[in-house]
């Protein structure tokens, strides 16, 4: 019976992702973005509840990955396409498809490396990447040129990259370096002060930037 609760939260993640796709279809981009964000909350709770109840299982882990692909891979890709990528023809379509595909690759690699990669995430986690795209759409900003397709493509790549992102709960993992943390917080603050409704986009974007800077400083031997 206890296993039903975390699995129900995982299923809720999927339901919210499907609702995000449906609301996107109806042109309600703001609600669709909020639904993707809400799916991330459900996704964050299921694992914690499973560990608290002592009912973690391989079934739950596989179900979680399948739901994550819909909520943070397909739903944000579809949202980005309907919002603006459709205006770029095949370039926009490829960007959306690449995002969903890289999300699937990210999840598969995560499942395979669970016992090897500890204390950090290898590549930007798909919930964070999906929420970056979704919350950017929430801003209602349509940048000129090919900036938006490029942005979607970059975040697709970050998911399958080897950039190390601290998970803030593992021990012996990637350390949090001071300068990258300060720069990332400054970026988040600037975004919040500059754009309306950026209170959700800013932390996700700052986390993505932080991983890049933190990894780069680590390669340079800086603290």
N, C-alpha and C. Protein backbone atom coordinates (compact mmCIF):
# COMPACT_ATOMS: atom_id res chain seq x y z
N UNK A 1 0.82 -1.21 0.00
CA UNK A 1 0.00 0.00 0.00
C UNK A 1 0.86 1.26 0.00
N UNK A 2 1.97 1.21 0.76
CA UNK A 2 2.84 2.39 0.82
C UNK A 2 3.41 2.76 -0.55
N UNK A 3 3.67 1.76 -1.36
CA UNK A 3 4.26 2.02 -2.68
C UNK A 3 3.30 2.77 -3.59
N UNK A 4 2.01 2.73 -3.28
CA UNK A 4 1.04 3.42 -4.13
C UNK A 4 1.21 4.93 -4.08
N UNK A 5 1.63 5.45 -2.93
CA UNK A 5 1.74 6.91 -2.78
C UNK A 5 2.83 7.49 -3.68
N UNK A 6 4.09 7.01 -3.61
CA UNK A 6 5.11 7.55 -4.51
C UNK A 6 4.80 7.30 -5.99
N UNK A 7 4.22 6.13 -6.29
CA UNK A 7 3.86 5.85 -7.68
C UNK A 7 2.74 6.77 -8.16
N UNK A 8 1.84 7.13 -7.25
CA UNK A 8 0.76 8.07 -7.59
C UNK A 8 1.34 9.45 -7.89
N UNK A 9 2.36 9.85 -7.13
CA UNK A 9 3.02 11.13 -7.38
C UNK A 9 3.75 11.11 -8.72
N UNK A 10 4.36 9.98 -9.03
CA UNK A 10 5.02 9.83 -10.32
C UNK A 10 4.01 9.92 -11.46
N UNK A 11 2.87 9.26 -11.28
CA UNK A 11 1.82 9.31 -12.28
C UNK A 11 1.27 10.73 -12.41
N UNK A 12 1.19 11.45 -11.29
CA UNK A 12 0.74 12.85 -11.32
C UNK A 12 1.68 13.69 -12.17
N UNK A 13 2.97 13.41 -12.07
CA UNK A 13 3.96 14.06 -12.92
C UNK A 13 3.58 13.90 -14.39
N UNK A 14 3.27 12.67 -14.78
CA UNK A 14 2.88 12.39 -16.17
C UNK A 14 1.58 13.10 -16.54
N UNK A 15 0.60 13.06 -15.66
CA UNK A 15 -0.70 13.70 -15.93
C UNK A 15 -0.52 15.20 -16.16
N UNK A 16 0.29 15.82 -15.32
CA UNK A 16 0.53 17.26 -15.47
C UNK A 16 1.25 17.55 -16.78
N UNK A 17 2.16 16.67 -17.18
CA UNK A 17 2.85 16.85 -18.45
C UNK A 17 1.89 16.74 -19.63
N UNK A 18 0.97 15.79 -19.56
CA UNK A 18 -0.03 15.65 -20.62
C UNK A 18 -0.94 16.88 -20.66
N UNK A 19 -1.34 17.35 -19.50
CA UNK A 19 -2.16 18.56 -19.44
C UNK A 19 -1.41 19.77 -20.02
N UNK A 20 -0.09 19.80 -19.82
CA UNK A 20 0.71 20.89 -20.39
C UNK A 20 0.65 20.85 -21.91
N UNK A 21 0.71 19.65 -22.48
CA UNK A 21 0.61 19.50 -23.93
C UNK A 21 -0.77 19.95 -24.42
N UNK A 22 -1.80 19.56 -23.69
CA UNK A 22 -3.17 19.91 -24.09
C UNK A 22 -3.39 21.42 -24.02
N UNK A 23 -2.94 22.06 -22.94
CA UNK A 23 -3.12 23.50 -22.81
C UNK A 23 -2.28 24.26 -23.84
N UNK A 24 -1.14 23.70 -24.19
CA UNK A 24 -0.34 24.30 -25.27
C UNK A 24 -1.11 24.26 -26.57
N UNK A 25 -1.74 23.13 -26.84
CA UNK A 25 -2.55 22.97 -28.05
C UNK A 25 -3.65 24.03 -28.12
N UNK A 26 -4.18 24.40 -26.97
CA UNK A 26 -5.25 25.40 -26.92
C UNK A 26 -4.71 26.83 -26.81
N UNK A 27 -3.40 26.99 -26.87
CA UNK A 27 -2.80 28.32 -26.90
C UNK A 27 -2.61 28.99 -25.55
N UNK A 28 -2.78 28.25 -24.46
CA UNK A 28 -2.60 28.82 -23.12
C UNK A 28 -1.17 28.50 -22.66
N UNK A 29 -0.22 29.27 -23.13
CA UNK A 29 1.18 28.98 -22.88
C UNK A 29 1.57 29.19 -21.42
N UNK A 30 0.98 30.18 -20.78
CA UNK A 30 1.32 30.47 -19.38
C UNK A 30 0.94 29.29 -18.49
N UNK A 31 -0.29 28.80 -18.66
CA UNK A 31 -0.75 27.65 -17.86
C UNK A 31 0.08 26.41 -18.18
N UNK A 32 0.40 26.22 -19.45
CA UNK A 32 1.22 25.07 -19.84
C UNK A 32 2.57 25.12 -19.14
N UNK A 33 3.16 26.29 -19.06
CA UNK A 33 4.44 26.45 -18.38
C UNK A 33 4.32 26.12 -16.90
N UNK A 34 3.24 26.60 -16.27
CA UNK A 34 3.02 26.31 -14.85
C UNK A 34 2.82 24.81 -14.61
N UNK A 35 2.18 24.14 -15.56
CA UNK A 35 1.96 22.71 -15.43
C UNK A 35 3.27 21.93 -15.50
N UNK A 36 4.18 22.36 -16.37
CA UNK A 36 5.50 21.73 -16.44
C UNK A 36 6.24 21.93 -15.11
N UNK A 37 6.16 23.14 -14.57
CA UNK A 37 6.79 23.43 -13.28
C UNK A 37 6.15 22.58 -12.17
N UNK A 38 4.83 22.45 -12.20
CA UNK A 38 4.14 21.63 -11.20
C UNK A 38 4.53 20.16 -11.31
N UNK A 39 4.75 19.71 -12.54
CA UNK A 39 5.21 18.33 -12.75
C UNK A 39 6.57 18.11 -12.10
N UNK A 40 7.42 19.15 -12.13
CA UNK A 40 8.73 19.04 -11.49
C UNK A 40 8.59 18.88 -9.98
N UNK A 41 7.61 19.57 -9.40
CA UNK A 41 7.38 19.43 -7.96
C UNK A 41 6.95 18.01 -7.63
N UNK A 42 6.02 17.47 -8.41
CA UNK A 42 5.58 16.08 -8.20
C UNK A 42 6.75 15.12 -8.38
N UNK A 43 7.59 15.39 -9.36
CA UNK A 43 8.76 14.55 -9.63
C UNK A 43 9.74 14.59 -8.46
N UNK A 44 9.87 15.75 -7.84
CA UNK A 44 10.78 15.86 -6.71
C UNK A 44 10.26 15.18 -5.45
N UNK A 45 8.95 15.09 -5.34
CA UNK A 45 8.35 14.49 -4.15
C UNK A 45 8.33 12.97 -4.18
N UNK A 46 8.16 12.39 -5.38
CA UNK A 46 7.96 10.93 -5.42
C UNK A 46 9.16 10.16 -4.88
N UNK A 47 10.35 10.57 -5.25
CA UNK A 47 11.54 9.88 -4.76
C UNK A 47 11.73 10.04 -3.26
N UNK A 48 11.46 11.24 -2.77
CA UNK A 48 11.62 11.49 -1.34
C UNK A 48 10.61 10.69 -0.52
N UNK A 49 9.38 10.62 -1.02
CA UNK A 49 8.35 9.85 -0.33
C UNK A 49 8.69 8.37 -0.35
N UNK A 50 9.19 7.88 -1.50
CA UNK A 50 9.56 6.46 -1.62
C UNK A 50 10.67 6.11 -0.63
N UNK A 51 11.67 7.00 -0.51
CA UNK A 51 12.77 6.72 0.43
C UNK A 51 12.29 6.81 1.87
N UNK A 52 11.38 7.77 2.15
CA UNK A 52 10.86 7.92 3.51
C UNK A 52 10.06 6.70 3.93
N UNK A 53 9.32 6.11 2.99
CA UNK A 53 8.51 4.92 3.28
C UNK A 53 9.29 3.62 3.12
N UNK A 54 10.53 3.74 2.59
CA UNK A 54 11.34 2.54 2.38
C UNK A 54 10.80 1.64 1.30
N UNK A 55 10.24 2.24 0.25
CA UNK A 55 9.62 1.44 -0.82
C UNK A 55 10.23 1.74 -2.18
N UNK A 56 11.47 2.21 -2.22
CA UNK A 56 12.12 2.45 -3.50
C UNK A 56 12.24 1.14 -4.27
N UNK A 57 11.99 1.20 -5.57
CA UNK A 57 12.02 -0.01 -6.39
C UNK A 57 12.47 0.31 -7.80
N UNK A 58 12.92 -0.73 -8.51
CA UNK A 58 13.30 -0.56 -9.91
C UNK A 58 12.10 -0.16 -10.75
N UNK A 59 10.93 -0.69 -10.40
CA UNK A 59 9.71 -0.32 -11.12
C UNK A 59 9.46 1.18 -11.02
N UNK A 60 9.60 1.72 -9.81
CA UNK A 60 9.36 3.15 -9.60
C UNK A 60 10.36 4.00 -10.37
N UNK A 61 11.62 3.55 -10.42
CA UNK A 61 12.65 4.29 -11.13
C UNK A 61 12.38 4.32 -12.64
N UNK A 62 11.97 3.19 -13.19
CA UNK A 62 11.65 3.14 -14.62
C UNK A 62 10.42 3.98 -14.95
N UNK A 63 9.40 3.89 -14.08
CA UNK A 63 8.20 4.68 -14.28
C UNK A 63 8.52 6.17 -14.23
N UNK A 64 9.39 6.53 -13.31
CA UNK A 64 9.79 7.93 -13.16
C UNK A 64 10.43 8.46 -14.44
N UNK A 65 11.31 7.67 -15.03
CA UNK A 65 11.99 8.10 -16.26
C UNK A 65 11.01 8.27 -17.42
N UNK A 66 10.07 7.34 -17.54
CA UNK A 66 9.08 7.43 -18.61
C UNK A 66 8.22 8.68 -18.46
N UNK A 67 7.83 8.97 -17.23
CA UNK A 67 7.02 10.16 -16.98
C UNK A 67 7.82 11.44 -17.21
N UNK A 68 9.09 11.42 -16.80
CA UNK A 68 9.95 12.59 -16.99
C UNK A 68 10.12 12.93 -18.46
N UNK A 69 10.22 11.91 -19.30
CA UNK A 69 10.40 12.16 -20.72
C UNK A 69 9.22 12.94 -21.30
N UNK A 70 8.02 12.60 -20.85
CA UNK A 70 6.83 13.31 -21.33
C UNK A 70 6.77 14.72 -20.78
N UNK A 71 6.92 14.85 -19.46
CA UNK A 71 6.71 16.14 -18.80
C UNK A 71 7.83 17.15 -19.05
N UNK A 72 9.07 16.67 -19.17
CA UNK A 72 10.20 17.59 -19.28
C UNK A 72 10.95 17.48 -20.60
N UNK A 73 10.55 16.51 -21.44
CA UNK A 73 11.14 16.40 -22.76
C UNK A 73 10.15 16.76 -23.85
N UNK A 74 9.07 15.99 -23.93
CA UNK A 74 8.08 16.20 -25.00
C UNK A 74 7.26 17.46 -24.77
N UNK A 75 6.74 17.65 -23.56
CA UNK A 75 5.86 18.80 -23.29
C UNK A 75 6.58 20.14 -23.52
N UNK A 76 7.78 20.36 -22.97
CA UNK A 76 8.48 21.62 -23.25
C UNK A 76 8.85 21.79 -24.72
N UNK A 77 9.21 20.68 -25.39
CA UNK A 77 9.56 20.76 -26.81
C UNK A 77 8.35 21.19 -27.63
N UNK A 78 7.20 20.60 -27.32
CA UNK A 78 5.96 20.96 -28.02
C UNK A 78 5.56 22.40 -27.70
N UNK A 79 5.71 22.79 -26.45
CA UNK A 79 5.41 24.16 -26.03
C UNK A 79 6.29 25.15 -26.78
N UNK A 80 7.59 24.87 -26.84
CA UNK A 80 8.52 25.75 -27.54
C UNK A 80 8.20 25.83 -29.03
N UNK A 81 7.81 24.70 -29.61
CA UNK A 81 7.49 24.68 -31.04
C UNK A 81 6.25 25.51 -31.35
N UNK A 82 5.20 25.30 -30.60
CA UNK A 82 3.96 26.04 -30.85
C UNK A 82 4.13 27.52 -30.54
N UNK A 83 4.91 27.82 -29.50
CA UNK A 83 5.11 29.21 -29.09
C UNK A 83 5.88 30.01 -30.13
N UNK A 84 6.98 29.47 -30.65
CA UNK A 84 7.81 30.25 -31.57
C UNK A 84 8.59 29.42 -32.60
N UNK A 85 9.01 28.21 -32.25
CA UNK A 85 9.86 27.43 -33.15
C UNK A 85 9.18 27.14 -34.48
N UNK A 86 7.87 27.07 -34.50
CA UNK A 86 7.15 26.79 -35.76
C UNK A 86 7.42 27.84 -36.82
N UNK A 87 7.81 29.04 -36.38
CA UNK A 87 8.08 30.13 -37.32
C UNK A 87 9.41 29.94 -38.06
N UNK A 88 10.20 28.96 -37.64
CA UNK A 88 11.52 28.74 -38.24
C UNK A 88 11.55 27.52 -39.15
N UNK A 89 10.37 27.01 -39.51
CA UNK A 89 10.31 25.89 -40.44
C UNK A 89 10.98 24.65 -39.89
N UNK A 90 11.77 23.99 -40.77
CA UNK A 90 12.43 22.76 -40.36
C UNK A 90 13.47 22.97 -39.28
N UNK A 91 14.06 24.16 -39.24
CA UNK A 91 15.04 24.45 -38.18
C UNK A 91 14.38 24.38 -36.82
N UNK A 92 13.20 24.97 -36.71
CA UNK A 92 12.47 24.92 -35.45
C UNK A 92 12.03 23.52 -35.10
N UNK A 93 11.59 22.77 -36.11
CA UNK A 93 11.14 21.40 -35.88
C UNK A 93 12.30 20.52 -35.40
N UNK A 94 13.45 20.69 -36.01
CA UNK A 94 14.63 19.91 -35.61
C UNK A 94 15.06 20.28 -34.19
N UNK A 95 14.99 21.56 -33.85
CA UNK A 95 15.35 21.99 -32.49
C UNK A 95 14.44 21.34 -31.46
N UNK A 96 13.15 21.32 -31.74
CA UNK A 96 12.19 20.70 -30.81
C UNK A 96 12.44 19.21 -30.69
N UNK A 97 12.65 18.55 -31.83
CA UNK A 97 12.90 17.11 -31.81
C UNK A 97 14.21 16.78 -31.10
N UNK A 98 15.22 17.61 -31.31
CA UNK A 98 16.51 17.39 -30.66
C UNK A 98 16.38 17.51 -29.15
N UNK A 99 15.57 18.45 -28.70
CA UNK A 99 15.38 18.63 -27.26
C UNK A 99 14.77 17.38 -26.63
N UNK A 100 13.70 16.87 -27.24
CA UNK A 100 13.04 15.67 -26.71
C UNK A 100 13.97 14.46 -26.79
N UNK A 101 14.72 14.34 -27.89
CA UNK A 101 15.63 13.20 -28.07
C UNK A 101 16.77 13.24 -27.06
N UNK A 102 17.35 14.41 -26.86
CA UNK A 102 18.44 14.53 -25.88
C UNK A 102 17.92 14.27 -24.47
N UNK A 103 16.66 14.63 -24.23
CA UNK A 103 16.06 14.32 -22.94
C UNK A 103 15.99 12.82 -22.71
N UNK A 104 15.61 12.07 -23.75
CA UNK A 104 15.55 10.61 -23.66
C UNK A 104 16.94 10.03 -23.42
N UNK A 105 17.93 10.54 -24.14
CA UNK A 105 19.30 10.07 -23.98
C UNK A 105 19.81 10.38 -22.57
N UNK A 106 19.47 11.55 -22.07
CA UNK A 106 19.88 11.95 -20.71
C UNK A 106 19.32 10.99 -19.67
N UNK A 107 18.05 10.64 -19.81
CA UNK A 107 17.41 9.74 -18.86
C UNK A 107 18.00 8.33 -18.94
N UNK A 108 18.26 7.86 -20.15
CA UNK A 108 18.85 6.53 -20.32
C UNK A 108 20.24 6.48 -19.70
N UNK A 109 21.03 7.50 -19.92
CA UNK A 109 22.38 7.54 -19.34
C UNK A 109 22.33 7.61 -17.82
N UNK A 110 21.37 8.37 -17.30
CA UNK A 110 21.21 8.49 -15.85
C UNK A 110 20.91 7.13 -15.24
N UNK A 111 20.00 6.38 -15.86
CA UNK A 111 19.63 5.07 -15.32
C UNK A 111 20.81 4.10 -15.35
N UNK A 112 21.60 4.16 -16.41
CA UNK A 112 22.74 3.25 -16.54
C UNK A 112 23.85 3.61 -15.55
N UNK A 113 24.04 4.91 -15.30
CA UNK A 113 25.15 5.37 -14.47
C UNK A 113 24.79 5.62 -13.01
N UNK A 114 23.60 5.18 -12.59
CA UNK A 114 23.16 5.45 -11.22
C UNK A 114 24.17 5.00 -10.18
N UNK A 115 24.77 3.83 -10.40
CA UNK A 115 25.73 3.30 -9.43
C UNK A 115 27.13 3.86 -9.59
N UNK A 116 27.37 4.60 -10.66
CA UNK A 116 28.71 5.12 -10.93
C UNK A 116 28.85 6.60 -10.64
N UNK A 117 27.82 7.38 -10.98
CA UNK A 117 27.85 8.84 -10.81
C UNK A 117 27.11 9.19 -9.53
N UNK A 118 27.85 9.65 -8.53
CA UNK A 118 27.25 9.97 -7.23
C UNK A 118 27.70 11.35 -6.77
N UNK A 119 26.79 12.08 -6.14
CA UNK A 119 27.12 13.40 -5.61
C UNK A 119 26.98 14.52 -6.60
N UNK A 120 26.68 14.20 -7.85
CA UNK A 120 26.48 15.22 -8.86
C UNK A 120 25.69 14.61 -10.02
N UNK A 121 25.20 15.48 -10.89
CA UNK A 121 24.51 15.05 -12.10
C UNK A 121 25.44 15.25 -13.29
N UNK A 122 25.57 14.24 -14.13
CA UNK A 122 26.35 14.39 -15.35
C UNK A 122 25.41 14.93 -16.44
N UNK A 123 25.59 16.17 -16.78
CA UNK A 123 24.68 16.84 -17.70
C UNK A 123 23.53 17.48 -16.95
N UNK A 124 22.94 18.48 -17.54
CA UNK A 124 21.82 19.18 -16.91
C UNK A 124 20.64 18.22 -16.77
N UNK A 125 20.10 18.05 -15.56
CA UNK A 125 18.95 17.16 -15.37
C UNK A 125 17.77 17.59 -16.25
N UNK A 126 17.05 16.63 -16.78
CA UNK A 126 15.95 16.94 -17.69
C UNK A 126 14.86 17.79 -17.05
N UNK A 127 14.52 17.63 -15.75
CA UNK A 127 13.52 18.53 -15.17
C UNK A 127 13.96 20.00 -15.22
N UNK A 128 15.24 20.24 -14.94
CA UNK A 128 15.75 21.61 -14.96
C UNK A 128 15.75 22.17 -16.38
N UNK A 129 16.18 21.35 -17.34
CA UNK A 129 16.22 21.81 -18.73
C UNK A 129 14.82 22.08 -19.25
N UNK A 130 13.88 21.16 -18.96
CA UNK A 130 12.51 21.36 -19.39
C UNK A 130 11.88 22.60 -18.78
N UNK A 131 12.21 22.84 -17.51
CA UNK A 131 11.65 24.02 -16.83
C UNK A 131 12.28 25.31 -17.34
N UNK A 132 13.54 25.27 -17.76
CA UNK A 132 14.15 26.46 -18.37
C UNK A 132 13.36 26.88 -19.60
N UNK A 133 13.09 25.92 -20.48
CA UNK A 133 12.36 26.22 -21.71
C UNK A 133 10.94 26.67 -21.39
N UNK A 134 10.26 25.94 -20.50
CA UNK A 134 8.86 26.25 -20.19
C UNK A 134 8.72 27.61 -19.53
N UNK A 135 9.59 27.91 -18.55
CA UNK A 135 9.47 29.18 -17.85
C UNK A 135 9.93 30.36 -18.71
N UNK A 136 10.79 30.09 -19.69
CA UNK A 136 11.14 31.15 -20.63
C UNK A 136 9.92 31.53 -21.46
N UNK A 137 9.17 30.53 -21.90
CA UNK A 137 7.94 30.80 -22.64
C UNK A 137 6.98 31.60 -21.77
N UNK A 138 6.98 31.33 -20.48
CA UNK A 138 6.12 32.05 -19.55
C UNK A 138 6.39 33.55 -19.57
N UNK A 139 7.62 33.94 -19.88
CA UNK A 139 7.96 35.36 -19.95
C UNK A 139 7.23 36.07 -21.08
N UNK A 140 6.86 35.32 -22.11
CA UNK A 140 6.18 35.91 -23.25
C UNK A 140 7.12 36.66 -24.17
N UNK A 141 8.41 36.48 -23.99
CA UNK A 141 9.42 37.17 -24.80
C UNK A 141 9.72 36.35 -26.04
N UNK A 142 9.67 37.02 -27.20
CA UNK A 142 10.00 36.34 -28.45
C UNK A 142 11.24 37.01 -29.04
N UNK A 143 12.42 36.46 -28.74
CA UNK A 143 13.66 37.08 -29.21
C UNK A 143 13.79 37.03 -30.72
N UNK A 144 14.50 38.01 -31.26
CA UNK A 144 14.67 38.09 -32.70
C UNK A 144 15.73 37.13 -33.21
N UNK A 145 15.76 36.99 -34.53
CA UNK A 145 16.74 36.12 -35.16
C UNK A 145 16.54 34.66 -34.78
N UNK A 146 17.62 33.93 -34.76
CA UNK A 146 17.56 32.51 -34.44
C UNK A 146 17.95 32.23 -32.99
N UNK A 147 17.80 33.23 -32.14
CA UNK A 147 18.21 33.08 -30.75
C UNK A 147 17.43 31.99 -30.02
N UNK A 148 16.12 31.92 -30.25
CA UNK A 148 15.31 30.94 -29.53
C UNK A 148 15.62 29.51 -29.98
N UNK A 149 15.67 29.21 -31.28
CA UNK A 149 16.06 27.85 -31.67
C UNK A 149 17.44 27.48 -31.14
N UNK A 150 18.36 28.46 -31.13
CA UNK A 150 19.70 28.21 -30.61
C UNK A 150 19.65 27.90 -29.13
N UNK A 151 18.81 28.65 -28.40
CA UNK A 151 18.67 28.42 -26.96
C UNK A 151 18.15 27.01 -26.68
N UNK A 152 17.13 26.59 -27.41
CA UNK A 152 16.57 25.25 -27.23
C UNK A 152 17.63 24.19 -27.54
N UNK A 153 18.39 24.42 -28.61
CA UNK A 153 19.44 23.47 -29.00
C UNK A 153 20.54 23.39 -27.94
N UNK A 154 20.89 24.53 -27.36
CA UNK A 154 21.93 24.55 -26.32
C UNK A 154 21.50 23.76 -25.10
N UNK A 155 20.25 23.96 -24.69
CA UNK A 155 19.78 23.23 -23.51
C UNK A 155 19.57 21.75 -23.81
N UNK A 156 19.31 21.43 -25.05
CA UNK A 156 19.29 20.02 -25.44
C UNK A 156 20.69 19.42 -25.27
N UNK A 157 21.69 20.13 -25.73
CA UNK A 157 23.07 19.64 -25.61
C UNK A 157 23.51 19.53 -24.15
N UNK A 158 23.12 20.51 -23.33
CA UNK A 158 23.54 20.49 -21.93
C UNK A 158 23.08 19.21 -21.22
N UNK A 159 21.94 18.67 -21.64
CA UNK A 159 21.44 17.44 -21.01
C UNK A 159 22.35 16.26 -21.28
N UNK A 160 22.96 16.20 -22.45
CA UNK A 160 23.80 15.04 -22.81
C UNK A 160 25.28 15.35 -22.67
N UNK A 161 25.60 16.53 -22.17
CA UNK A 161 26.99 16.91 -21.98
C UNK A 161 27.57 16.20 -20.75
N UNK A 162 28.85 16.38 -20.52
CA UNK A 162 29.51 15.82 -19.33
C UNK A 162 29.73 16.89 -18.26
N UNK A 163 29.07 18.03 -18.41
CA UNK A 163 29.16 19.09 -17.41
C UNK A 163 28.58 18.57 -16.10
N UNK A 164 29.26 18.85 -15.01
CA UNK A 164 28.83 18.34 -13.72
C UNK A 164 27.97 19.37 -12.98
N UNK A 165 26.78 18.93 -12.60
CA UNK A 165 25.86 19.77 -11.84
C UNK A 165 25.68 19.21 -10.44
N UNK A 166 26.04 19.95 -9.40
CA UNK A 166 25.86 19.46 -8.03
C UNK A 166 24.39 19.15 -7.75
N UNK A 167 24.14 18.06 -7.03
CA UNK A 167 22.76 17.75 -6.67
C UNK A 167 22.42 18.24 -5.27
N UNK A 168 23.41 18.86 -4.57
CA UNK A 168 23.22 19.51 -3.28
C UNK A 168 22.76 18.54 -2.18
N UNK A 169 22.91 17.25 -2.41
CA UNK A 169 22.55 16.29 -1.36
C UNK A 169 23.53 15.13 -1.30
N UNK A 170 24.27 14.90 -2.38
CA UNK A 170 25.24 13.80 -2.38
C UNK A 170 26.53 14.21 -1.67
N UNK A 171 27.25 13.23 -1.16
CA UNK A 171 28.51 13.48 -0.48
C UNK A 171 29.66 13.04 -1.38
N UNK A 172 30.71 13.83 -1.35
CA UNK A 172 31.88 13.48 -2.14
C UNK A 172 31.71 13.76 -3.62
N UNK A 173 30.74 14.60 -3.97
CA UNK A 173 30.49 14.90 -5.36
C UNK A 173 31.15 16.19 -5.79
N UNK A 174 30.56 16.84 -6.78
CA UNK A 174 31.11 18.08 -7.31
C UNK A 174 30.96 19.20 -6.30
N UNK A 175 32.07 19.87 -5.91
CA UNK A 175 31.97 20.96 -4.94
C UNK A 175 31.34 22.21 -5.55
N UNK A 176 30.73 23.00 -4.71
CA UNK A 176 30.16 24.28 -5.14
C UNK A 176 31.23 25.35 -4.97
N UNK A 177 31.68 25.93 -6.06
CA UNK A 177 32.75 26.91 -6.03
C UNK A 177 32.17 28.31 -5.89
N UNK A 178 32.90 29.17 -5.19
CA UNK A 178 32.38 30.47 -4.77
C UNK A 178 32.08 31.39 -5.95
N UNK A 179 33.05 31.60 -6.82
CA UNK A 179 32.87 32.57 -7.91
C UNK A 179 31.73 32.17 -8.83
N UNK A 180 31.64 30.91 -9.30
CA UNK A 180 30.50 30.51 -10.12
C UNK A 180 29.17 30.72 -9.41
N UNK A 181 29.14 30.45 -8.11
CA UNK A 181 27.89 30.61 -7.35
C UNK A 181 27.49 32.08 -7.29
N UNK A 182 28.45 32.96 -7.04
CA UNK A 182 28.15 34.39 -6.95
C UNK A 182 27.69 34.95 -8.30
N UNK A 183 28.39 34.56 -9.36
CA UNK A 183 28.02 35.02 -10.70
C UNK A 183 26.62 34.54 -11.08
N UNK A 184 26.32 33.30 -10.76
CA UNK A 184 25.02 32.73 -11.10
C UNK A 184 23.90 33.42 -10.33
N UNK A 185 24.14 33.71 -9.06
CA UNK A 185 23.14 34.43 -8.26
C UNK A 185 22.93 35.84 -8.80
N UNK A 186 24.02 36.47 -9.25
CA UNK A 186 23.91 37.81 -9.82
C UNK A 186 23.09 37.78 -11.11
N UNK A 187 23.30 36.76 -11.92
CA UNK A 187 22.52 36.60 -13.16
C UNK A 187 21.05 36.42 -12.85
N UNK A 188 20.76 35.59 -11.85
CA UNK A 188 19.37 35.36 -11.45
C UNK A 188 18.72 36.66 -10.99
N UNK A 189 19.44 37.42 -10.18
CA UNK A 189 18.91 38.69 -9.69
C UNK A 189 18.65 39.67 -10.82
N UNK A 190 19.57 39.74 -11.77
CA UNK A 190 19.40 40.65 -12.91
C UNK A 190 18.17 40.27 -13.73
N UNK A 191 17.99 38.99 -13.98
CA UNK A 191 16.84 38.54 -14.77
C UNK A 191 15.54 38.88 -14.08
N UNK A 192 15.48 38.66 -12.78
CA UNK A 192 14.26 38.93 -12.02
C UNK A 192 13.91 40.42 -12.04
N UNK A 193 14.94 41.26 -11.95
CA UNK A 193 14.72 42.71 -11.95
C UNK A 193 14.40 43.24 -13.34
N UNK A 194 14.77 42.51 -14.38
CA UNK A 194 14.61 43.00 -15.75
C UNK A 194 13.30 42.56 -16.39
N UNK A 195 12.87 41.33 -16.11
CA UNK A 195 11.71 40.77 -16.80
C UNK A 195 10.58 40.45 -15.83
N UNK A 196 9.37 40.70 -16.27
CA UNK A 196 8.19 40.31 -15.50
C UNK A 196 8.03 38.79 -15.53
N UNK A 197 7.50 38.25 -14.46
CA UNK A 197 7.23 36.80 -14.36
C UNK A 197 8.50 35.96 -14.50
N UNK A 198 9.66 36.54 -14.16
CA UNK A 198 10.91 35.80 -14.31
C UNK A 198 11.33 35.09 -13.04
N UNK A 199 10.48 35.09 -12.01
CA UNK A 199 10.85 34.51 -10.73
C UNK A 199 11.04 32.99 -10.80
N UNK A 200 10.44 32.34 -11.81
CA UNK A 200 10.66 30.91 -11.99
C UNK A 200 11.78 30.64 -12.99
N UNK A 201 11.84 31.43 -14.04
CA UNK A 201 12.87 31.22 -15.06
C UNK A 201 14.27 31.47 -14.51
N UNK A 202 14.42 32.53 -13.72
CA UNK A 202 15.75 32.95 -13.27
C UNK A 202 16.53 31.85 -12.54
N UNK A 203 15.95 31.18 -11.53
CA UNK A 203 16.75 30.15 -10.83
C UNK A 203 17.13 28.97 -11.70
N UNK A 204 16.25 28.55 -12.60
CA UNK A 204 16.58 27.42 -13.48
C UNK A 204 17.69 27.80 -14.44
N UNK A 205 17.60 29.00 -15.02
CA UNK A 205 18.64 29.46 -15.95
C UNK A 205 19.97 29.63 -15.22
N UNK A 206 19.90 30.20 -14.01
CA UNK A 206 21.12 30.42 -13.23
C UNK A 206 21.78 29.09 -12.87
N UNK A 207 20.99 28.07 -12.57
CA UNK A 207 21.53 26.75 -12.25
C UNK A 207 22.24 26.16 -13.47
N UNK A 208 21.65 26.35 -14.65
CA UNK A 208 22.27 25.86 -15.88
C UNK A 208 23.61 26.55 -16.12
N UNK A 209 23.65 27.86 -15.92
CA UNK A 209 24.89 28.61 -16.10
C UNK A 209 25.91 28.22 -15.03
N UNK A 210 25.41 28.03 -13.81
CA UNK A 210 26.30 27.67 -12.70
C UNK A 210 27.07 26.39 -12.99
N UNK A 211 26.38 25.38 -13.52
CA UNK A 211 27.06 24.12 -13.82
C UNK A 211 28.20 24.30 -14.80
N UNK A 212 27.97 25.13 -15.81
CA UNK A 212 29.01 25.39 -16.81
C UNK A 212 30.21 26.07 -16.17
N UNK A 213 29.95 27.13 -15.41
CA UNK A 213 31.03 27.88 -14.76
C UNK A 213 31.74 27.04 -13.71
N UNK A 214 30.96 26.30 -12.93
CA UNK A 214 31.54 25.50 -11.85
C UNK A 214 32.47 24.42 -12.41
N UNK A 215 32.04 23.80 -13.49
CA UNK A 215 32.86 22.77 -14.14
C UNK A 215 34.12 23.39 -14.74
N UNK A 216 33.96 24.55 -15.39
CA UNK A 216 35.11 25.22 -16.00
C UNK A 216 36.14 25.62 -14.95
N UNK A 217 35.67 26.16 -13.83
CA UNK A 217 36.59 26.54 -12.76
C UNK A 217 37.28 25.32 -12.16
N UNK A 218 36.56 24.21 -12.12
CA UNK A 218 37.15 22.98 -11.62
C UNK A 218 38.27 22.48 -12.52
N UNK A 219 38.07 22.61 -13.82
CA UNK A 219 39.10 22.19 -14.78
C UNK A 219 40.34 23.08 -14.67
N UNK A 220 40.10 24.35 -14.27
CA UNK A 220 41.21 25.29 -14.14
C UNK A 220 41.87 25.19 -12.77
N UNK A 221 41.30 24.36 -11.91
CA UNK A 221 41.88 24.18 -10.58
C UNK A 221 41.54 25.29 -9.62
N UNK A 222 40.47 26.04 -9.91
CA UNK A 222 40.07 27.14 -9.03
C UNK A 222 39.05 26.66 -8.01
N UNK A 223 38.92 27.42 -6.93
CA UNK A 223 37.97 27.11 -5.87
C UNK A 223 36.76 28.03 -5.96
